Each structure stands twice: as C-alpha cells, then as structure tokens.
C-alpha cells in the first residue's frame, strides 16, 4: 500500500516525516479533507480574524499530489 505524507501549513510549517498508508490517491485526498476540520478545531485564530490552514499531500517520492485548504474569516459587524 502506498504511503502519503501530510504536511500542514497554518502559519507554521509542520512536515510529516512518518506518513500514512492509503489505498490510493483518492483515499489520501479524503484523509487530507478529514484532517482539516480536526486541525481547525485546535487552531482557532487568537491574534486576528483570519487564518488559512493547508494540507499538502506528497507521495513516497516527494511529489506534491494534492492540496486542501480551509479558511477562517471573522468579521465584526458592530460599528
């Protein structure tokens, strides 16, 4: 089973050195989509109203094969 690596970019770059075995590229993409909400639950912006969290999926050869992002944008409506 191929191994994919899920690097996280959320203001910091966190490299996945272990990886996860996935049946195929579709399964790896699904895993990236699952990771985003879990990361966002712990990464609520504390110093502003905007944050983008990106998961970059690479294959065993280090080639980028998929990218998924989640954006948080808060807007004050009071004047």
C-alpha atoms as a PDB file:
ATOM      1  CA  UNK A   1       0.000   0.000   0.000  1.00  0.00           C
ATOM      2  CA  UNK A   2       1.485   3.420  -0.896  1.00  0.00           C
ATOM      3  CA  UNK A   3       2.485   5.868   1.815  1.00  0.00           C
ATOM      4  CA  UNK A   4       1.477   9.534   1.632  1.00  0.00           C
ATOM      5  CA  UNK A   5       2.748  12.432   3.694  1.00  0.00           C
ATOM      6  CA  UNK A   6       0.520  15.215   5.008  1.00  0.00           C
ATOM      7  CA  UNK A   7       2.408  18.462   5.600  1.00  0.00           C
ATOM      8  CA  UNK A   8       0.463  21.105   7.500  1.00  0.00           C
ATOM      9  CA  UNK A   9       0.816  24.840   6.902  1.00  0.00           C
ATOM     10  CA  UNK A  10      -1.046  27.024   9.408  1.00  0.00           C
ATOM     11  CA  UNK A  11       1.318  29.905   9.994  1.00  0.00           C
ATOM     12  CA  UNK A  12       3.949  27.304  10.803  1.00  0.00           C
ATOM     13  CA  UNK A  13       5.220  24.577   8.505  1.00  0.00           C
ATOM     14  CA  UNK A  14       4.905  21.119  10.015  1.00  0.00           C
ATOM     15  CA  UNK A  15       6.429  18.334   7.963  1.00  0.00           C
ATOM     16  CA  UNK A  16       5.024  14.830   8.190  1.00  0.00           C
ATOM     17  CA  UNK A  17       8.068  12.563   8.361  1.00  0.00           C
ATOM     18  CA  UNK A  18       6.101   9.384   9.133  1.00  0.00           C
ATOM     19  CA  UNK A  19       3.298   9.383   6.579  1.00  0.00           C
ATOM     20  CA  UNK A  20       0.170   7.282   6.369  1.00  0.00           C
ATOM     21  CA  UNK A  21      -0.575   4.274   4.211  1.00  0.00           C
ATOM     22  CA  UNK A  22      -3.563   4.877   1.942  1.00  0.00           C
ATOM     23  CA  UNK A  23      -5.095   2.572  -0.620  1.00  0.00           C
ATOM     24  CA  UNK A  24      -4.710   5.124  -3.412  1.00  0.00           C
ATOM     25  CA  UNK A  25      -4.595   8.835  -4.218  1.00  0.00           C
ATOM     26  CA  UNK A  26      -8.359   9.219  -3.684  1.00  0.00           C
ATOM     27  CA  UNK A  27      -8.014   7.820  -0.164  1.00  0.00           C
ATOM     28  CA  UNK A  28      -5.114  10.192   0.522  1.00  0.00           C
ATOM     29  CA  UNK A  29      -7.196  13.163  -0.655  1.00  0.00           C
ATOM     30  CA  UNK A  30     -10.042  12.071   1.619  1.00  0.00           C
ATOM     31  CA  UNK A  31      -7.616  11.840   4.546  1.00  0.00           C
ATOM     32  CA  UNK A  32      -6.422  15.398   3.862  1.00  0.00           C
ATOM     33  CA  UNK A  33     -10.040  16.595   3.872  1.00  0.00           C
ATOM     34  CA  UNK A  34     -10.634  14.821   7.179  1.00  0.00           C
ATOM     35  CA  UNK A  35      -7.551  16.382   8.756  1.00  0.00           C
ATOM     36  CA  UNK A  36      -8.585  19.986   8.087  1.00  0.00           C
ATOM     37  CA  UNK A  37     -11.562  20.249  10.482  1.00  0.00           C
ATOM     38  CA  UNK A  38      -9.634  18.412  13.198  1.00  0.00           C
ATOM     39  CA  UNK A  39      -6.736  20.849  12.878  1.00  0.00           C
ATOM     40  CA  UNK A  40      -9.060  23.860  12.713  1.00  0.00           C
ATOM     41  CA  UNK A  41     -10.735  22.837  15.977  1.00  0.00           C
ATOM     42  CA  UNK A  42      -7.409  23.411  17.762  1.00  0.00           C
ATOM     43  CA  UNK A  43      -6.112  26.279  15.640  1.00  0.00           C
ATOM     44  CA  UNK A  44      -8.721  28.995  16.143  1.00  0.00           C
ATOM     45  CA  UNK A  45      -7.072  32.353  15.373  1.00  0.00           C
ATOM     46  CA  UNK A  46      -6.304  34.132  18.626  1.00  0.00           C
ATOM     47  CA  UNK A  47      -4.495  37.188  17.311  1.00  0.00           C
ATOM     48  CA  UNK A  48      -6.709  38.115  14.378  1.00  0.00           C
ATOM     49  CA  UNK A  49      -9.758  37.235  12.373  1.00  0.00           C
ATOM     50  CA  UNK A  50      -8.183  35.307   9.506  1.00  0.00           C
ATOM     51  CA  UNK A  51      -6.380  32.038   9.184  1.00  0.00           C
ATOM     52  CA  UNK A  52      -5.807  29.583   6.365  1.00  0.00           C
ATOM     53  CA  UNK A  53      -4.860  26.002   7.090  1.00  0.00           C
ATOM     54  CA  UNK A  54      -3.421  23.979   4.237  1.00  0.00           C
ATOM     55  CA  UNK A  55      -2.616  20.287   3.995  1.00  0.00           C
ATOM     56  CA  UNK A  56      -0.141  19.389   1.257  1.00  0.00           C
ATOM     57  CA  UNK A  57      -0.084  15.706   0.343  1.00  0.00           C
ATOM     58  CA  UNK A  58       3.085  14.259  -1.135  1.00  0.00           C
ATOM     59  CA  UNK A  59       3.783  10.749  -2.358  1.00  0.00           C
ATOM     60  CA  UNK A  60       6.684   8.465  -1.421  1.00  0.00           C
ATOM     61  CA  UNK A  61       8.897  10.157  -3.993  1.00  0.00           C
ATOM     62  CA  UNK A  62       8.251  13.608  -2.537  1.00  0.00           C
ATOM     63  CA  UNK A  63       5.979  14.796  -5.350  1.00  0.00           C
ATOM     64  CA  UNK A  64       3.064  17.027  -4.360  1.00  0.00           C
ATOM     65  CA  UNK A  65      -0.112  15.193  -5.410  1.00  0.00           C
ATOM     66  CA  UNK A  66      -2.946  17.017  -3.627  1.00  0.00           C
ATOM     67  CA  UNK A  67      -3.592  20.174  -1.631  1.00  0.00           C
ATOM     68  CA  UNK A  68      -6.593  21.088   0.502  1.00  0.00           C
ATOM     69  CA  UNK A  69      -7.213  24.321   2.412  1.00  0.00           C
ATOM     70  CA  UNK A  70      -9.666  25.637   4.958  1.00  0.00           C
ATOM     71  CA  UNK A  71     -10.098  29.354   5.606  1.00  0.00           C
ATOM     72  CA  UNK A  72     -11.408  31.037   8.730  1.00  0.00           C
ATOM     73  CA  UNK A  73     -12.567  34.617   8.331  1.00  0.00           C
ATOM     74  CA  UNK A  74     -14.288  36.521  11.123  1.00  0.00           C
ATOM     75  CA  UNK A  75     -15.892  39.908  10.512  1.00  0.00           C
ATOM     76  CA  UNK A  76     -17.040  42.345  13.162  1.00  0.00           C
ATOM     77  CA  UNK A  77     -20.474  43.734  12.313  1.00  0.00           C
ATOM     78  CA  UNK A  78     -20.632  46.341  15.062  1.00  0.00           C
ATOM     79  CA  UNK A  79     -19.713  49.935  14.279  1.00  0.00           C
END
